[in-house]
Amino acid sequence: MAIIVNLDVMMAKRKMSLNELSAKVDLTLSNLSILKTGKAKAIRFSTLDAICKALQCQPGDILEYTE
């Protein structure tokens, strides 16, 4: 897949753990981990919105396209 998920990078920049983000976004640790490792096949806009609010970033900071 040509979409790279940089969630771990943004979490490190914001000094936020997976547990903290999970609580703020109201998403299970396992689902957040799947997204963080790039194994997710899709993401809901509502989830992306919640993650961006919690990390105070833009969707482009989390998702990257490469060929």
N, C-alpha and C. Protein backbone atom coordinates (compact mmCIF):
# COMPACT_ATOMS: atom_id res chain seq x y z
N MET A 1 0.85 -1.18 0.00
CA MET A 1 0.00 0.00 0.00
C MET A 1 0.89 1.24 0.00
N ALA A 2 0.46 2.27 -0.67
CA ALA A 2 1.25 3.48 -0.82
C ALA A 2 0.94 4.53 0.23
N ILE A 3 0.08 4.21 1.17
CA ILE A 3 -0.24 5.15 2.25
C ILE A 3 0.57 4.76 3.49
N ILE A 4 1.32 5.71 4.02
CA ILE A 4 2.12 5.47 5.21
C ILE A 4 1.47 6.21 6.37
N VAL A 5 1.32 5.53 7.49
CA VAL A 5 0.72 6.11 8.69
C VAL A 5 1.85 6.55 9.62
N ASN A 6 1.91 7.85 9.89
CA ASN A 6 2.94 8.42 10.76
C ASN A 6 2.39 8.76 12.14
N LEU A 7 1.48 7.95 12.62
CA LEU A 7 0.86 8.21 13.91
C LEU A 7 1.88 8.16 15.04
N ASP A 8 2.80 7.20 14.97
CA ASP A 8 3.81 7.08 16.02
C ASP A 8 4.72 8.30 16.07
N VAL A 9 4.99 8.90 14.90
CA VAL A 9 5.83 10.10 14.84
C VAL A 9 5.13 11.27 15.53
N MET A 10 3.84 11.45 15.22
CA MET A 10 3.09 12.56 15.83
C MET A 10 2.92 12.34 17.34
N MET A 11 2.71 11.09 17.74
CA MET A 11 2.59 10.80 19.17
C MET A 11 3.90 11.12 19.90
N ALA A 12 5.02 10.81 19.28
CA ALA A 12 6.32 11.11 19.88
C ALA A 12 6.54 12.62 19.97
N LYS A 13 6.16 13.34 18.93
CA LYS A 13 6.30 14.80 18.93
C LYS A 13 5.47 15.44 20.04
N ARG A 14 4.31 14.88 20.30
CA ARG A 14 3.40 15.41 21.33
C ARG A 14 3.63 14.77 22.70
N LYS A 15 4.60 13.84 22.75
CA LYS A 15 4.92 13.11 23.98
C LYS A 15 3.67 12.47 24.59
N MET A 16 2.92 11.76 23.73
CA MET A 16 1.68 11.12 24.16
C MET A 16 1.80 9.62 23.97
N SER A 17 1.40 8.88 24.98
CA SER A 17 1.46 7.42 24.90
C SER A 17 0.22 6.88 24.19
N LEU A 18 0.30 5.61 23.83
CA LEU A 18 -0.82 4.95 23.18
C LEU A 18 -2.03 4.91 24.12
N ASN A 19 -1.77 4.71 25.40
CA ASN A 19 -2.85 4.67 26.40
C ASN A 19 -3.54 6.03 26.51
N GLU A 20 -2.76 7.10 26.53
CA GLU A 20 -3.33 8.45 26.61
C GLU A 20 -4.19 8.76 25.39
N LEU A 21 -3.65 8.46 24.21
CA LEU A 21 -4.38 8.72 22.97
C LEU A 21 -5.65 7.88 22.91
N SER A 22 -5.55 6.64 23.33
CA SER A 22 -6.71 5.75 23.34
C SER A 22 -7.83 6.32 24.19
N ALA A 23 -7.49 6.86 25.35
CA ALA A 23 -8.49 7.44 26.24
C ALA A 23 -9.11 8.70 25.65
N LYS A 24 -8.28 9.54 25.03
CA LYS A 24 -8.78 10.79 24.45
C LYS A 24 -9.65 10.56 23.22
N VAL A 25 -9.29 9.56 22.43
CA VAL A 25 -9.99 9.30 21.17
C VAL A 25 -11.15 8.33 21.35
N ASP A 26 -11.17 7.63 22.50
CA ASP A 26 -12.19 6.61 22.78
C ASP A 26 -12.14 5.49 21.75
N LEU A 27 -10.93 4.97 21.56
CA LEU A 27 -10.68 3.87 20.64
C LEU A 27 -9.90 2.82 21.42
N THR A 28 -10.16 1.55 21.14
CA THR A 28 -9.46 0.50 21.88
C THR A 28 -7.97 0.52 21.55
N LEU A 29 -7.18 0.03 22.49
CA LEU A 29 -5.73 -0.03 22.28
C LEU A 29 -5.38 -0.88 21.07
N SER A 30 -6.10 -1.98 20.89
CA SER A 30 -5.79 -2.87 19.76
C SER A 30 -6.08 -2.19 18.43
N ASN A 31 -7.20 -1.48 18.33
CA ASN A 31 -7.51 -0.79 17.07
C ASN A 31 -6.54 0.34 16.80
N LEU A 32 -6.15 1.05 17.84
CA LEU A 32 -5.19 2.13 17.69
C LEU A 32 -3.81 1.58 17.31
N SER A 33 -3.46 0.45 17.87
CA SER A 33 -2.19 -0.20 17.55
C SER A 33 -2.16 -0.66 16.09
N ILE A 34 -3.26 -1.20 15.60
CA ILE A 34 -3.36 -1.63 14.20
C ILE A 34 -3.17 -0.42 13.28
N LEU A 35 -3.76 0.69 13.64
CA LEU A 35 -3.61 1.91 12.85
C LEU A 35 -2.16 2.40 12.92
N LYS A 36 -1.59 2.41 14.10
CA LYS A 36 -0.23 2.91 14.31
C LYS A 36 0.81 2.11 13.53
N THR A 37 0.62 0.81 13.45
CA THR A 37 1.59 -0.04 12.76
C THR A 37 1.37 -0.08 11.25
N GLY A 38 0.33 0.60 10.77
CA GLY A 38 0.08 0.66 9.33
C GLY A 38 -0.64 -0.56 8.78
N LYS A 39 -1.20 -1.39 9.65
CA LYS A 39 -1.89 -2.60 9.20
C LYS A 39 -3.37 -2.37 8.91
N ALA A 40 -3.86 -1.18 9.20
CA ALA A 40 -5.28 -0.87 8.98
C ALA A 40 -5.56 -0.74 7.49
N LYS A 41 -6.71 -1.22 7.08
CA LYS A 41 -7.13 -1.12 5.67
C LYS A 41 -7.92 0.15 5.41
N ALA A 42 -8.48 0.75 6.47
CA ALA A 42 -9.30 1.95 6.32
C ALA A 42 -9.34 2.69 7.65
N ILE A 43 -9.75 3.94 7.58
CA ILE A 43 -9.95 4.74 8.78
C ILE A 43 -11.17 5.62 8.57
N ARG A 44 -12.01 5.71 9.57
CA ARG A 44 -13.20 6.56 9.47
C ARG A 44 -12.79 8.01 9.66
N PHE A 45 -13.49 8.89 8.98
CA PHE A 45 -13.21 10.31 9.12
C PHE A 45 -13.42 10.77 10.56
N SER A 46 -14.40 10.20 11.24
CA SER A 46 -14.64 10.59 12.63
C SER A 46 -13.46 10.19 13.52
N THR A 47 -12.85 9.05 13.24
CA THR A 47 -11.67 8.62 13.99
C THR A 47 -10.48 9.52 13.68
N LEU A 48 -10.28 9.82 12.41
CA LEU A 48 -9.20 10.71 12.00
C LEU A 48 -9.38 12.09 12.62
N ASP A 49 -10.62 12.57 12.65
CA ASP A 49 -10.93 13.86 13.26
C ASP A 49 -10.57 13.86 14.75
N ALA A 50 -10.94 12.81 15.45
CA ALA A 50 -10.66 12.70 16.89
C ALA A 50 -9.16 12.63 17.15
N ILE A 51 -8.43 11.89 16.33
CA ILE A 51 -6.98 11.78 16.49
C ILE A 51 -6.32 13.13 16.24
N CYS A 52 -6.76 13.83 15.19
CA CYS A 52 -6.19 15.14 14.89
C CYS A 52 -6.47 16.14 16.00
N LYS A 53 -7.66 16.09 16.59
CA LYS A 53 -7.98 16.98 17.71
C LYS A 53 -7.10 16.66 18.91
N ALA A 54 -6.93 15.39 19.22
CA ALA A 54 -6.15 14.98 20.39
C ALA A 54 -4.67 15.33 20.23
N LEU A 55 -4.15 15.20 19.00
CA LEU A 55 -2.74 15.46 18.75
C LEU A 55 -2.48 16.89 18.25
N GLN A 56 -3.55 17.64 18.05
CA GLN A 56 -3.46 19.01 17.54
C GLN A 56 -2.62 19.05 16.27
N CYS A 57 -3.08 18.29 15.26
CA CYS A 57 -2.35 18.22 14.00
C CYS A 57 -3.34 18.15 12.84
N GLN A 58 -2.82 18.10 11.64
CA GLN A 58 -3.60 17.97 10.43
C GLN A 58 -3.56 16.51 9.95
N PRO A 59 -4.56 16.08 9.16
CA PRO A 59 -4.54 14.70 8.64
C PRO A 59 -3.27 14.39 7.86
N GLY A 60 -2.73 15.38 7.15
CA GLY A 60 -1.50 15.19 6.39
C GLY A 60 -0.28 14.95 7.27
N ASP A 61 -0.37 15.30 8.54
CA ASP A 61 0.71 15.02 9.48
C ASP A 61 0.73 13.54 9.86
N ILE A 62 -0.40 12.89 9.71
CA ILE A 62 -0.54 11.48 10.10
C ILE A 62 -0.46 10.55 8.90
N LEU A 63 -1.07 10.96 7.79
CA LEU A 63 -1.10 10.12 6.59
C LEU A 63 -0.21 10.70 5.51
N GLU A 64 0.54 9.82 4.85
CA GLU A 64 1.48 10.24 3.81
C GLU A 64 1.35 9.29 2.62
N TYR A 65 1.38 9.83 1.41
CA TYR A 65 1.29 9.01 0.20
C TYR A 65 2.66 8.91 -0.46
N THR A 66 3.06 7.69 -0.78
CA THR A 66 4.29 7.47 -1.54
C THR A 66 4.01 6.44 -2.63
N GLU A 67 4.75 6.51 -3.68
CA GLU A 67 4.57 5.55 -4.78
C GLU A 67 5.41 4.32 -4.58
